[in-house]
Amino acid sequence: MSLVGAWGDSFFEVEAWSEFDPIVADGSERPIPREVVTERLLDEIQFTVSGMVYGYQFDYVPGDPGRGIDELFELTPYGFIQRGDRSLVVHQTWVEDNRLYARVYYEVADEQEPWYQGWHSGANERSSGVGTASLFLGPTQKTKAISDAIRHAVREHVRAQVFTRPLRITGAAILENDPLFSVTRGNYQASVDVLIQVDAIERFSTY
């Protein structure tokens, strides 16, 4: 759970988990060796913390079956937190229910502060979304569930403002806190809260 503001606006906490015995082990032995589980967990933490510090650009085509337009959502990170970043501190790890958990703290650096505070200034609107990714494609799909949840949050945000389906939406989003994960109906499910900036809404031409 995020603790943005608990010690000041420049600190937050992230909790994540990775499985020792997922439905799909990606060819690894069972249970998956701890070092492999640890690497996957660190990858997910890196993705999440980067999304909370820097956020993403998005390009979203909602799709329209009647017009033969497929849905397209592209998420491009503004930046990445690097492995070994001294601001990222592993506070606690533990094993529970055949999962390796980690709780980490991140302190926003001075050079990141203007960007981070700009996002959290209150000028950006909030939205929430729930996304999924198949369990049967393996545990590395969890970050795709986060991306899908951001897509859903963008869609709901725009639907509340625009009556007719637009052709394309571009803008930016940042994770307001760490995603909440569950496993349901053969999917990893991620619930996210995001701050959103919509840069442009392109509408269909009318004649």
N, C-alpha and C. Protein backbone atom coordinates (compact mmCIF):
# COMPACT_ATOMS: atom_id res chain seq x y z
N MET A 1 0.84 -1.19 0.00
CA MET A 1 0.00 0.00 0.00
C MET A 1 0.88 1.24 0.00
N SER A 2 0.47 2.23 -0.78
CA SER A 2 1.25 3.45 -0.85
C SER A 2 1.11 4.27 0.41
N LEU A 3 2.21 4.87 0.84
CA LEU A 3 2.18 5.76 1.99
C LEU A 3 2.67 7.15 1.60
N VAL A 4 2.30 7.59 0.40
CA VAL A 4 2.70 8.91 -0.04
C VAL A 4 2.22 9.92 0.99
N GLY A 5 3.14 10.73 1.45
CA GLY A 5 2.77 11.75 2.41
C GLY A 5 2.94 11.32 3.86
N ALA A 6 3.24 10.04 4.12
CA ALA A 6 3.38 9.58 5.50
C ALA A 6 4.57 10.24 6.19
N TRP A 7 5.68 10.37 5.47
CA TRP A 7 6.86 11.04 6.03
C TRP A 7 7.09 12.38 5.34
N GLY A 8 6.28 12.69 4.35
CA GLY A 8 6.49 13.84 3.49
C GLY A 8 6.13 13.43 2.08
N ASP A 9 6.03 14.39 1.21
CA ASP A 9 5.57 14.10 -0.14
C ASP A 9 6.59 13.33 -0.97
N SER A 10 7.79 13.15 -0.45
CA SER A 10 8.87 12.56 -1.25
C SER A 10 9.16 11.11 -0.90
N PHE A 11 8.32 10.47 -0.13
CA PHE A 11 8.54 9.08 0.25
C PHE A 11 7.29 8.26 -0.03
N PHE A 12 7.49 7.02 -0.43
CA PHE A 12 6.35 6.11 -0.49
C PHE A 12 6.82 4.67 -0.31
N GLU A 13 5.84 3.82 -0.09
CA GLU A 13 6.08 2.41 0.17
C GLU A 13 5.38 1.57 -0.89
N VAL A 14 6.01 0.49 -1.30
CA VAL A 14 5.43 -0.43 -2.28
C VAL A 14 5.56 -1.84 -1.74
N GLU A 15 4.49 -2.62 -1.90
CA GLU A 15 4.53 -4.03 -1.52
C GLU A 15 4.19 -4.87 -2.75
N ALA A 16 4.94 -5.93 -2.98
CA ALA A 16 4.71 -6.78 -4.15
C ALA A 16 5.02 -8.23 -3.79
N TRP A 17 4.55 -9.15 -4.64
CA TRP A 17 4.80 -10.57 -4.41
C TRP A 17 5.05 -11.30 -5.73
N SER A 18 5.73 -12.43 -5.62
CA SER A 18 5.95 -13.31 -6.76
C SER A 18 5.85 -14.75 -6.27
N GLU A 19 5.36 -15.63 -7.15
CA GLU A 19 5.01 -16.99 -6.75
C GLU A 19 6.17 -17.98 -6.89
N PHE A 20 6.23 -18.92 -5.96
CA PHE A 20 7.18 -20.03 -6.06
C PHE A 20 6.62 -21.15 -6.95
N ASP A 21 5.31 -21.26 -7.03
CA ASP A 21 4.72 -22.37 -7.79
C ASP A 21 3.50 -21.86 -8.56
N PRO A 22 3.71 -21.00 -9.57
CA PRO A 22 2.58 -20.51 -10.37
C PRO A 22 2.04 -21.61 -11.27
N ILE A 23 0.89 -21.35 -11.86
CA ILE A 23 0.31 -22.33 -12.77
C ILE A 23 1.25 -22.63 -13.92
N VAL A 24 1.91 -21.60 -14.43
CA VAL A 24 2.91 -21.77 -15.50
C VAL A 24 4.26 -21.35 -14.95
N ALA A 25 5.23 -22.24 -14.99
CA ALA A 25 6.54 -21.97 -14.41
C ALA A 25 7.57 -21.56 -15.45
N ASP A 26 7.14 -21.31 -16.68
CA ASP A 26 8.04 -20.87 -17.75
C ASP A 26 9.21 -21.83 -17.96
N GLY A 27 8.95 -23.10 -17.80
CA GLY A 27 9.99 -24.10 -18.05
C GLY A 27 10.94 -24.31 -16.90
N SER A 28 10.79 -23.56 -15.82
CA SER A 28 11.67 -23.72 -14.67
C SER A 28 11.27 -24.94 -13.86
N GLU A 29 12.17 -25.37 -13.01
CA GLU A 29 11.84 -26.46 -12.10
C GLU A 29 10.79 -26.00 -11.09
N ARG A 30 10.10 -26.96 -10.50
CA ARG A 30 9.09 -26.64 -9.48
C ARG A 30 9.54 -27.20 -8.13
N PRO A 31 9.42 -26.39 -7.07
CA PRO A 31 9.07 -24.97 -7.11
C PRO A 31 10.17 -24.15 -7.78
N ILE A 32 9.82 -22.96 -8.24
CA ILE A 32 10.79 -22.09 -8.91
C ILE A 32 11.88 -21.71 -7.91
N PRO A 33 13.15 -21.77 -8.31
CA PRO A 33 14.23 -21.40 -7.39
C PRO A 33 14.06 -19.98 -6.86
N ARG A 34 14.44 -19.79 -5.63
CA ARG A 34 14.24 -18.49 -4.98
C ARG A 34 14.91 -17.36 -5.76
N GLU A 35 16.08 -17.63 -6.35
CA GLU A 35 16.76 -16.55 -7.08
C GLU A 35 15.97 -16.10 -8.30
N VAL A 36 15.25 -17.04 -8.94
CA VAL A 36 14.41 -16.68 -10.09
C VAL A 36 13.20 -15.89 -9.62
N VAL A 37 12.58 -16.34 -8.54
CA VAL A 37 11.43 -15.62 -7.98
C VAL A 37 11.85 -14.21 -7.56
N THR A 38 13.04 -14.10 -6.96
CA THR A 38 13.53 -12.79 -6.53
C THR A 38 13.73 -11.85 -7.71
N GLU A 39 14.30 -12.37 -8.81
CA GLU A 39 14.51 -11.53 -9.99
C GLU A 39 13.18 -11.04 -10.56
N ARG A 40 12.19 -11.92 -10.62
CA ARG A 40 10.88 -11.52 -11.13
C ARG A 40 10.24 -10.47 -10.22
N LEU A 41 10.41 -10.65 -8.92
CA LEU A 41 9.86 -9.70 -7.98
C LEU A 41 10.53 -8.34 -8.13
N LEU A 42 11.84 -8.32 -8.31
CA LEU A 42 12.56 -7.06 -8.49
C LEU A 42 12.15 -6.37 -9.79
N ASP A 43 11.92 -7.16 -10.85
CA ASP A 43 11.46 -6.58 -12.11
C ASP A 43 10.11 -5.88 -11.93
N GLU A 44 9.21 -6.54 -11.20
CA GLU A 44 7.88 -5.95 -10.98
C GLU A 44 7.98 -4.69 -10.13
N ILE A 45 8.82 -4.73 -9.09
CA ILE A 45 9.00 -3.55 -8.25
C ILE A 45 9.59 -2.40 -9.06
N GLN A 46 10.55 -2.70 -9.91
CA GLN A 46 11.15 -1.67 -10.76
C GLN A 46 10.10 -1.04 -11.67
N PHE A 47 9.23 -1.85 -12.26
CA PHE A 47 8.17 -1.36 -13.14
C PHE A 47 7.20 -0.48 -12.35
N THR A 48 6.80 -0.94 -11.16
CA THR A 48 5.82 -0.21 -10.36
C THR A 48 6.38 1.11 -9.85
N VAL A 49 7.58 1.08 -9.26
CA VAL A 49 8.16 2.31 -8.72
C VAL A 49 8.42 3.32 -9.84
N SER A 50 8.88 2.85 -10.99
CA SER A 50 9.07 3.75 -12.13
C SER A 50 7.76 4.42 -12.53
N GLY A 51 6.67 3.64 -12.49
CA GLY A 51 5.36 4.18 -12.83
C GLY A 51 4.85 5.16 -11.81
N MET A 52 5.31 5.05 -10.56
CA MET A 52 4.90 5.98 -9.51
C MET A 52 5.74 7.25 -9.50
N VAL A 53 6.98 7.16 -9.96
CA VAL A 53 7.87 8.32 -9.97
C VAL A 53 7.77 9.10 -11.29
N TYR A 54 7.81 8.38 -12.42
CA TYR A 54 7.86 9.02 -13.72
C TYR A 54 6.54 8.97 -14.49
N GLY A 55 5.81 7.85 -14.40
CA GLY A 55 4.59 7.71 -15.16
C GLY A 55 4.85 7.34 -16.61
N TYR A 56 3.81 7.50 -17.44
CA TYR A 56 3.84 7.00 -18.81
C TYR A 56 3.12 7.97 -19.76
N GLN A 57 3.56 7.95 -20.99
CA GLN A 57 2.75 8.49 -22.07
C GLN A 57 1.83 7.38 -22.55
N PHE A 58 0.61 7.75 -22.97
CA PHE A 58 -0.26 6.74 -23.54
C PHE A 58 -0.83 7.22 -24.87
N ASP A 59 -1.10 6.25 -25.71
CA ASP A 59 -1.74 6.47 -27.01
C ASP A 59 -2.84 5.42 -27.11
N TYR A 60 -4.09 5.87 -27.11
CA TYR A 60 -5.21 4.95 -26.96
C TYR A 60 -6.21 5.12 -28.09
N VAL A 61 -6.42 4.04 -28.84
CA VAL A 61 -7.48 3.96 -29.83
C VAL A 61 -8.53 3.04 -29.23
N PRO A 62 -9.69 3.58 -28.80
CA PRO A 62 -10.67 2.75 -28.11
C PRO A 62 -11.20 1.58 -28.94
N GLY A 63 -11.16 1.70 -30.24
CA GLY A 63 -11.68 0.61 -31.07
C GLY A 63 -13.16 0.77 -31.33
N ASP A 64 -13.55 0.40 -32.51
CA ASP A 64 -14.96 0.51 -32.89
C ASP A 64 -15.26 -0.62 -33.87
N PRO A 65 -15.86 -1.72 -33.39
CA PRO A 65 -16.14 -2.86 -34.28
C PRO A 65 -16.99 -2.47 -35.48
N GLY A 66 -17.91 -1.54 -35.29
CA GLY A 66 -18.78 -1.13 -36.41
C GLY A 66 -18.02 -0.46 -37.53
N ARG A 67 -16.89 0.16 -37.19
CA ARG A 67 -16.05 0.81 -38.20
C ARG A 67 -14.85 -0.06 -38.58
N GLY A 68 -14.75 -1.24 -37.98
CA GLY A 68 -13.63 -2.12 -38.28
C GLY A 68 -12.32 -1.66 -37.67
N ILE A 69 -12.39 -0.92 -36.55
CA ILE A 69 -11.19 -0.39 -35.90
C ILE A 69 -10.90 -1.22 -34.65
N ASP A 70 -9.71 -1.79 -34.58
CA ASP A 70 -9.30 -2.58 -33.43
C ASP A 70 -8.83 -1.67 -32.29
N GLU A 71 -9.06 -2.12 -31.07
CA GLU A 71 -8.58 -1.37 -29.91
C GLU A 71 -7.06 -1.46 -29.83
N LEU A 72 -6.43 -0.32 -29.50
CA LEU A 72 -4.97 -0.25 -29.38
C LEU A 72 -4.62 0.63 -28.19
N PHE A 73 -3.75 0.13 -27.33
CA PHE A 73 -3.30 0.93 -26.20
C PHE A 73 -1.80 0.76 -26.06
N GLU A 74 -1.07 1.85 -26.21
CA GLU A 74 0.39 1.82 -26.08
C GLU A 74 0.79 2.68 -24.89
N LEU A 75 1.62 2.11 -24.03
CA LEU A 75 2.08 2.77 -22.82
C LEU A 75 3.60 2.88 -22.89
N THR A 76 4.11 4.09 -22.85
CA THR A 76 5.55 4.32 -22.97
C THR A 76 6.07 4.99 -21.70
N PRO A 77 6.93 4.33 -20.93
CA PRO A 77 7.43 4.93 -19.69
C PRO A 77 8.26 6.19 -19.96
N TYR A 78 8.11 7.17 -19.09
CA TYR A 78 8.95 8.37 -19.17
C TYR A 78 10.36 8.10 -18.66
N GLY A 79 10.50 7.14 -17.78
CA GLY A 79 11.81 6.83 -17.22
C GLY A 79 11.74 5.56 -16.40
N PHE A 80 12.91 5.04 -16.04
CA PHE A 80 12.99 3.82 -15.25
C PHE A 80 13.86 4.04 -14.02
N ILE A 81 13.43 3.46 -12.91
CA ILE A 81 14.28 3.36 -11.74
C ILE A 81 15.26 2.21 -11.99
N GLN A 82 16.54 2.47 -11.86
CA GLN A 82 17.54 1.48 -12.18
C GLN A 82 17.78 0.53 -10.99
N ARG A 83 18.16 -0.70 -11.32
CA ARG A 83 18.58 -1.64 -10.28
C ARG A 83 19.76 -1.02 -9.52
N GLY A 84 19.74 -1.17 -8.23
CA GLY A 84 20.83 -0.62 -7.43
C GLY A 84 20.65 0.83 -7.04
N ASP A 85 19.54 1.44 -7.43
CA ASP A 85 19.26 2.82 -7.04
C ASP A 85 19.26 2.91 -5.50
N ARG A 86 20.11 3.79 -4.96
CA ARG A 86 20.24 3.87 -3.51
C ARG A 86 18.98 4.41 -2.83
N SER A 87 18.09 5.05 -3.61
CA SER A 87 16.85 5.56 -3.03
C SER A 87 15.81 4.46 -2.82
N LEU A 88 16.05 3.29 -3.44
CA LEU A 88 15.13 2.16 -3.32
C LEU A 88 15.66 1.20 -2.26
N VAL A 89 14.96 1.11 -1.15
CA VAL A 89 15.43 0.33 -0.01
C VAL A 89 14.45 -0.82 0.26
N VAL A 90 14.97 -2.04 0.25
CA VAL A 90 14.15 -3.20 0.62
C VAL A 90 14.04 -3.22 2.13
N HIS A 91 12.85 -2.94 2.63
CA HIS A 91 12.64 -2.84 4.08
C HIS A 91 12.38 -4.20 4.70
N GLN A 92 11.67 -5.09 3.96
CA GLN A 92 11.27 -6.36 4.57
C GLN A 92 10.95 -7.36 3.46
N THR A 93 11.30 -8.62 3.66
CA THR A 93 10.87 -9.72 2.79
C THR A 93 10.33 -10.84 3.66
N TRP A 94 9.38 -11.59 3.12
CA TRP A 94 8.84 -12.73 3.85
C TRP A 94 8.15 -13.68 2.87
N VAL A 95 7.96 -14.92 3.30
CA VAL A 95 7.29 -15.93 2.50
C VAL A 95 5.95 -16.25 3.16
N GLU A 96 4.91 -16.23 2.33
CA GLU A 96 3.56 -16.52 2.82
C GLU A 96 2.73 -17.07 1.67
N ASP A 97 1.98 -18.15 1.93
CA ASP A 97 1.11 -18.75 0.91
C ASP A 97 1.87 -19.05 -0.39
N ASN A 98 3.08 -19.57 -0.23
CA ASN A 98 3.91 -19.98 -1.37
C ASN A 98 4.28 -18.79 -2.27
N ARG A 99 4.37 -17.61 -1.68
CA ARG A 99 4.79 -16.42 -2.41
C ARG A 99 5.91 -15.73 -1.64
N LEU A 100 6.81 -15.11 -2.40
CA LEU A 100 7.84 -14.25 -1.82
C LEU A 100 7.33 -12.82 -1.88
N TYR A 101 7.21 -12.19 -0.71
CA TYR A 101 6.76 -10.80 -0.61
C TYR A 101 7.95 -9.89 -0.33
N ALA A 102 7.82 -8.65 -0.77
CA ALA A 102 8.82 -7.63 -0.43
C ALA A 102 8.10 -6.31 -0.19
N ARG A 103 8.57 -5.60 0.82
CA ARG A 103 8.11 -4.25 1.08
C ARG A 103 9.31 -3.33 0.90
N VAL A 104 9.18 -2.34 0.03
CA VAL A 104 10.29 -1.45 -0.27
C VAL A 104 9.87 -0.01 -0.03
N TYR A 105 10.85 0.82 0.29
CA TYR A 105 10.66 2.26 0.42
C TYR A 105 11.40 2.96 -0.71
N TYR A 106 10.82 4.04 -1.19
CA TYR A 106 11.52 4.84 -2.20
C TYR A 106 11.47 6.30 -1.80
N GLU A 107 12.64 6.95 -1.84
CA GLU A 107 12.75 8.38 -1.57
C GLU A 107 13.00 9.10 -2.88
N VAL A 108 12.12 10.01 -3.24
CA VAL A 108 12.25 10.75 -4.48
C VAL A 108 13.48 11.65 -4.41
N ALA A 109 14.34 11.57 -5.42
CA ALA A 109 15.58 12.35 -5.45
C ALA A 109 15.29 13.81 -5.76
N ASP A 110 16.24 14.67 -5.43
CA ASP A 110 16.07 16.11 -5.64
C ASP A 110 15.76 16.43 -7.10
N GLU A 111 16.44 15.76 -8.02
CA GLU A 111 16.23 16.05 -9.43
C GLU A 111 14.88 15.53 -9.94
N GLN A 112 14.29 14.57 -9.22
CA GLN A 112 12.98 14.04 -9.59
C GLN A 112 11.84 14.85 -8.97
N GLU A 113 12.18 15.63 -7.95
CA GLU A 113 11.16 16.29 -7.14
C GLU A 113 10.22 17.21 -7.93
N PRO A 114 10.71 18.09 -8.80
CA PRO A 114 9.78 18.97 -9.52
C PRO A 114 8.77 18.19 -10.36
N TRP A 115 9.23 17.14 -11.04
CA TRP A 115 8.34 16.31 -11.84
C TRP A 115 7.30 15.63 -10.96
N TYR A 116 7.78 15.02 -9.88
CA TYR A 116 6.90 14.27 -8.99
C TYR A 116 5.87 15.20 -8.33
N GLN A 117 6.33 16.33 -7.83
CA GLN A 117 5.42 17.26 -7.17
C GLN A 117 4.43 17.88 -8.17
N GLY A 118 4.88 18.08 -9.41
CA GLY A 118 3.98 18.60 -10.44
C GLY A 118 2.80 17.68 -10.67
N TRP A 119 3.07 16.40 -10.67
CA TRP A 119 1.99 15.43 -10.85
C TRP A 119 1.04 15.42 -9.66
N HIS A 120 1.57 15.61 -8.47
CA HIS A 120 0.77 15.50 -7.25
C HIS A 120 0.32 16.86 -6.72
N SER A 121 0.31 17.86 -7.57
CA SER A 121 -0.03 19.22 -7.16
C SER A 121 -1.52 19.43 -6.96
N GLY A 122 -2.34 18.49 -7.42
CA GLY A 122 -3.79 18.64 -7.34
C GLY A 122 -4.40 19.09 -8.64
N ALA A 123 -3.57 19.39 -9.63
CA ALA A 123 -4.08 19.87 -10.91
C ALA A 123 -4.54 18.72 -11.81
N ASN A 124 -4.13 17.50 -11.50
CA ASN A 124 -4.44 16.36 -12.36
C ASN A 124 -5.58 15.54 -11.77
N GLU A 125 -6.45 15.09 -12.64
CA GLU A 125 -7.62 14.33 -12.20
C GLU A 125 -7.27 12.87 -11.94
N ARG A 126 -8.04 12.27 -11.03
CA ARG A 126 -7.82 10.88 -10.64
C ARG A 126 -8.80 9.96 -11.37
N SER A 127 -8.33 8.75 -11.60
CA SER A 127 -9.19 7.72 -12.15
C SER A 127 -8.70 6.37 -11.64
N SER A 128 -9.58 5.39 -11.69
CA SER A 128 -9.23 4.05 -11.24
C SER A 128 -9.58 3.04 -12.32
N GLY A 129 -8.87 1.92 -12.31
CA GLY A 129 -9.15 0.88 -13.30
C GLY A 129 -8.74 -0.48 -12.80
N VAL A 130 -9.33 -1.49 -13.39
CA VAL A 130 -9.00 -2.89 -13.09
C VAL A 130 -8.61 -3.56 -14.39
N GLY A 131 -7.45 -4.20 -14.40
CA GLY A 131 -6.98 -4.88 -15.60
C GLY A 131 -6.60 -6.31 -15.31
N THR A 132 -6.53 -7.12 -16.36
CA THR A 132 -6.20 -8.54 -16.20
C THR A 132 -5.14 -8.98 -17.21
N ALA A 133 -4.49 -10.08 -16.86
CA ALA A 133 -3.58 -10.78 -17.77
C ALA A 133 -3.64 -12.25 -17.39
N SER A 134 -3.52 -13.11 -18.38
CA SER A 134 -3.75 -14.54 -18.16
C SER A 134 -2.70 -15.18 -17.26
N LEU A 135 -3.17 -15.95 -16.27
CA LEU A 135 -2.29 -16.77 -15.46
C LEU A 135 -1.51 -17.77 -16.30
N PHE A 136 -2.13 -18.23 -17.38
CA PHE A 136 -1.58 -19.32 -18.16
C PHE A 136 -0.43 -18.88 -19.06
N LEU A 137 -0.16 -17.57 -19.08
CA LEU A 137 0.99 -17.06 -19.81
C LEU A 137 2.18 -16.80 -18.89
N GLY A 138 2.00 -17.11 -17.60
CA GLY A 138 3.11 -17.04 -16.66
C GLY A 138 3.12 -15.79 -15.81
N PRO A 139 3.89 -15.82 -14.71
CA PRO A 139 3.89 -14.72 -13.74
C PRO A 139 4.47 -13.41 -14.25
N THR A 140 5.24 -13.43 -15.33
CA THR A 140 5.75 -12.18 -15.88
C THR A 140 4.64 -11.33 -16.48
N GLN A 141 3.43 -11.89 -16.59
CA GLN A 141 2.30 -11.15 -17.14
C GLN A 141 1.71 -10.14 -16.16
N LYS A 142 2.16 -10.14 -14.92
CA LYS A 142 1.57 -9.24 -13.93
C LYS A 142 1.72 -7.77 -14.33
N THR A 143 2.84 -7.41 -14.93
CA THR A 143 3.00 -6.01 -15.35
C THR A 143 2.05 -5.67 -16.50
N LYS A 144 1.67 -6.67 -17.30
CA LYS A 144 0.69 -6.42 -18.35
C LYS A 144 -0.69 -6.16 -17.76
N ALA A 145 -0.98 -6.79 -16.62
CA ALA A 145 -2.24 -6.51 -15.94
C ALA A 145 -2.27 -5.06 -15.45
N ILE A 146 -1.12 -4.54 -15.02
CA ILE A 146 -1.04 -3.13 -14.63
C ILE A 146 -1.32 -2.23 -15.83
N SER A 147 -0.71 -2.53 -16.97
CA SER A 147 -0.94 -1.74 -18.18
C SER A 147 -2.41 -1.77 -18.58
N ASP A 148 -3.02 -2.96 -18.48
CA ASP A 148 -4.43 -3.08 -18.84
C ASP A 148 -5.31 -2.29 -17.88
N ALA A 149 -4.93 -2.24 -16.61
CA ALA A 149 -5.69 -1.47 -15.63
C ALA A 149 -5.57 0.03 -15.92
N ILE A 150 -4.41 0.48 -16.35
CA ILE A 150 -4.24 1.90 -16.71
C ILE A 150 -5.10 2.22 -17.93
N ARG A 151 -5.14 1.30 -18.89
CA ARG A 151 -6.01 1.50 -20.07
C ARG A 151 -7.46 1.68 -19.63
N HIS A 152 -7.90 0.83 -18.72
CA HIS A 152 -9.28 0.91 -18.24
C HIS A 152 -9.52 2.23 -17.52
N ALA A 153 -8.55 2.70 -16.72
CA ALA A 153 -8.69 3.97 -16.01
C ALA A 153 -8.79 5.13 -16.99
N VAL A 154 -7.99 5.10 -18.05
CA VAL A 154 -8.05 6.16 -19.07
C VAL A 154 -9.42 6.13 -19.75
N ARG A 155 -9.88 4.95 -20.11
CA ARG A 155 -11.16 4.83 -20.79
C ARG A 155 -12.29 5.38 -19.94
N GLU A 156 -12.33 5.02 -18.65
CA GLU A 156 -13.39 5.49 -17.78
C GLU A 156 -13.32 6.99 -17.57
N HIS A 157 -12.12 7.51 -17.49
CA HIS A 157 -11.94 8.96 -17.32
C HIS A 157 -12.49 9.73 -18.52
N VAL A 158 -12.19 9.25 -19.72
CA VAL A 158 -12.64 9.94 -20.93
C VAL A 158 -14.13 9.72 -21.15
N ARG A 159 -14.63 8.54 -20.86
CA ARG A 159 -16.06 8.27 -21.03
C ARG A 159 -16.92 9.20 -20.17
N ALA A 160 -16.40 9.62 -19.04
CA ALA A 160 -17.16 10.53 -18.18
C ALA A 160 -17.21 11.95 -18.74
N GLN A 161 -16.36 12.24 -19.74
CA GLN A 161 -16.28 13.59 -20.28
C GLN A 161 -16.77 13.70 -21.72
N VAL A 162 -16.70 12.61 -22.46
CA VAL A 162 -17.01 12.64 -23.89
C VAL A 162 -18.18 11.69 -24.16
N PHE A 163 -19.23 12.20 -24.77
CA PHE A 163 -20.44 11.41 -24.97
C PHE A 163 -20.25 10.32 -26.03
N THR A 164 -19.62 10.66 -27.14
CA THR A 164 -19.43 9.70 -28.23
C THR A 164 -18.01 9.14 -28.21
N ARG A 165 -17.86 7.92 -28.69
CA ARG A 165 -16.56 7.26 -28.70
C ARG A 165 -15.58 8.04 -29.59
N PRO A 166 -14.43 8.44 -29.04
CA PRO A 166 -13.45 9.16 -29.86
C PRO A 166 -12.63 8.21 -30.72
N LEU A 167 -11.93 8.79 -31.69
CA LEU A 167 -11.05 8.01 -32.54
C LEU A 167 -9.74 7.68 -31.81
N ARG A 168 -9.21 8.67 -31.09
CA ARG A 168 -7.89 8.49 -30.47
C ARG A 168 -7.76 9.43 -29.27
N ILE A 169 -7.05 8.96 -28.26
CA ILE A 169 -6.78 9.76 -27.07
C ILE A 169 -5.29 9.66 -26.77
N THR A 170 -4.65 10.80 -26.54
CA THR A 170 -3.24 10.80 -26.17
C THR A 170 -3.08 11.60 -24.88
N GLY A 171 -2.09 11.23 -24.11
CA GLY A 171 -1.86 11.93 -22.86
C GLY A 171 -0.83 11.23 -22.01
N ALA A 172 -0.93 11.41 -20.70
CA ALA A 172 0.02 10.84 -19.76
C ALA A 172 -0.71 10.40 -18.51
N ALA A 173 -0.11 9.45 -17.80
CA ALA A 173 -0.69 8.95 -16.56
C ALA A 173 0.44 8.52 -15.63
N ILE A 174 0.17 8.61 -14.33
CA ILE A 174 1.15 8.18 -13.34
C ILE A 174 0.42 7.38 -12.27
N LEU A 175 1.05 6.34 -11.78
CA LEU A 175 0.45 5.54 -10.71
C LEU A 175 0.44 6.37 -9.43
N GLU A 176 -0.73 6.53 -8.83
CA GLU A 176 -0.84 7.28 -7.59
C GLU A 176 -0.37 6.45 -6.40
N ASN A 177 -0.53 5.15 -6.48
CA ASN A 177 -0.03 4.25 -5.45
C ASN A 177 0.27 2.91 -6.10
N ASP A 178 0.74 1.95 -5.32
CA ASP A 178 1.10 0.67 -5.90
C ASP A 178 -0.16 -0.15 -6.20
N PRO A 179 -0.13 -0.94 -7.27
CA PRO A 179 -1.30 -1.74 -7.67
C PRO A 179 -1.66 -2.77 -6.61
N LEU A 180 -2.94 -3.07 -6.54
CA LEU A 180 -3.44 -4.13 -5.67
C LEU A 180 -3.72 -5.35 -6.54
N PHE A 181 -3.07 -6.48 -6.25
CA PHE A 181 -3.19 -7.68 -7.08
C PHE A 181 -4.04 -8.74 -6.42
N SER A 182 -4.76 -9.47 -7.27
CA SER A 182 -5.46 -10.67 -6.85
C SER A 182 -5.40 -11.67 -8.00
N VAL A 183 -5.79 -12.90 -7.72
CA VAL A 183 -5.86 -13.94 -8.75
C VAL A 183 -7.31 -14.38 -8.84
N THR A 184 -7.91 -14.27 -10.02
CA THR A 184 -9.31 -14.59 -10.17
C THR A 184 -9.63 -15.06 -11.57
N ARG A 185 -10.40 -16.14 -11.68
CA ARG A 185 -10.89 -16.64 -12.96
C ARG A 185 -9.79 -16.83 -14.00
N GLY A 186 -8.67 -17.40 -13.55
CA GLY A 186 -7.59 -17.69 -14.48
C GLY A 186 -6.78 -16.49 -14.90
N ASN A 187 -6.90 -15.39 -14.14
CA ASN A 187 -6.18 -14.17 -14.48
C ASN A 187 -5.47 -13.58 -13.27
N TYR A 188 -4.36 -12.89 -13.53
CA TYR A 188 -3.85 -11.92 -12.58
C TYR A 188 -4.70 -10.66 -12.75
N GLN A 189 -5.19 -10.12 -11.66
CA GLN A 189 -6.02 -8.92 -11.73
C GLN A 189 -5.35 -7.80 -10.94
N ALA A 190 -5.18 -6.66 -11.58
CA ALA A 190 -4.54 -5.50 -10.95
C ALA A 190 -5.54 -4.36 -10.85
N SER A 191 -5.62 -3.76 -9.68
CA SER A 191 -6.44 -2.57 -9.47
C SER A 191 -5.51 -1.39 -9.25
N VAL A 192 -5.72 -0.30 -10.00
CA VAL A 192 -4.82 0.85 -9.91
C VAL A 192 -5.60 2.13 -9.72
N ASP A 193 -4.94 3.11 -9.11
CA ASP A 193 -5.39 4.49 -9.07
C ASP A 193 -4.33 5.31 -9.79
N VAL A 194 -4.76 6.17 -10.70
CA VAL A 194 -3.82 6.94 -11.49
C VAL A 194 -4.22 8.41 -11.51
N LEU A 195 -3.23 9.26 -11.78
CA LEU A 195 -3.45 10.66 -12.10
C LEU A 195 -3.28 10.78 -13.61
N ILE A 196 -4.16 11.53 -14.25
CA ILE A 196 -4.22 11.55 -15.72
C ILE A 196 -4.12 12.98 -16.25
N GLN A 197 -3.36 13.13 -17.34
CA GLN A 197 -3.36 14.34 -18.15
C GLN A 197 -3.76 13.92 -19.57
N VAL A 198 -4.86 14.45 -20.06
CA VAL A 198 -5.27 14.19 -21.44
C VAL A 198 -4.76 15.33 -22.31
N ASP A 199 -3.92 15.00 -23.28
CA ASP A 199 -3.36 16.02 -24.18
C ASP A 199 -4.27 16.31 -25.36
N ALA A 200 -4.85 15.26 -25.93
CA ALA A 200 -5.69 15.46 -27.11
C ALA A 200 -6.71 14.34 -27.24
N ILE A 201 -7.90 14.72 -27.69
CA ILE A 201 -8.95 13.75 -28.01
C ILE A 201 -9.33 13.99 -29.47
N GLU A 202 -9.01 13.01 -30.29
CA GLU A 202 -9.30 13.11 -31.73
C GLU A 202 -10.65 12.44 -32.00
N ARG A 203 -11.52 13.16 -32.64
CA ARG A 203 -12.86 12.64 -32.91
C ARG A 203 -12.97 12.18 -34.36
N PHE A 204 -13.96 11.36 -34.61
CA PHE A 204 -14.22 10.93 -35.98
C PHE A 204 -14.74 12.12 -36.79
N SER A 205 -14.33 12.19 -38.05
CA SER A 205 -14.81 13.25 -38.93
C SER A 205 -16.26 12.99 -39.29
N THR A 206 -17.03 14.05 -39.39
CA THR A 206 -18.42 13.95 -39.82
C THR A 206 -18.61 14.68 -41.12
N TYR A 207 -19.47 14.12 -41.93
CA TYR A 207 -19.69 14.72 -43.26
C TYR A 207 -21.19 14.95 -43.43
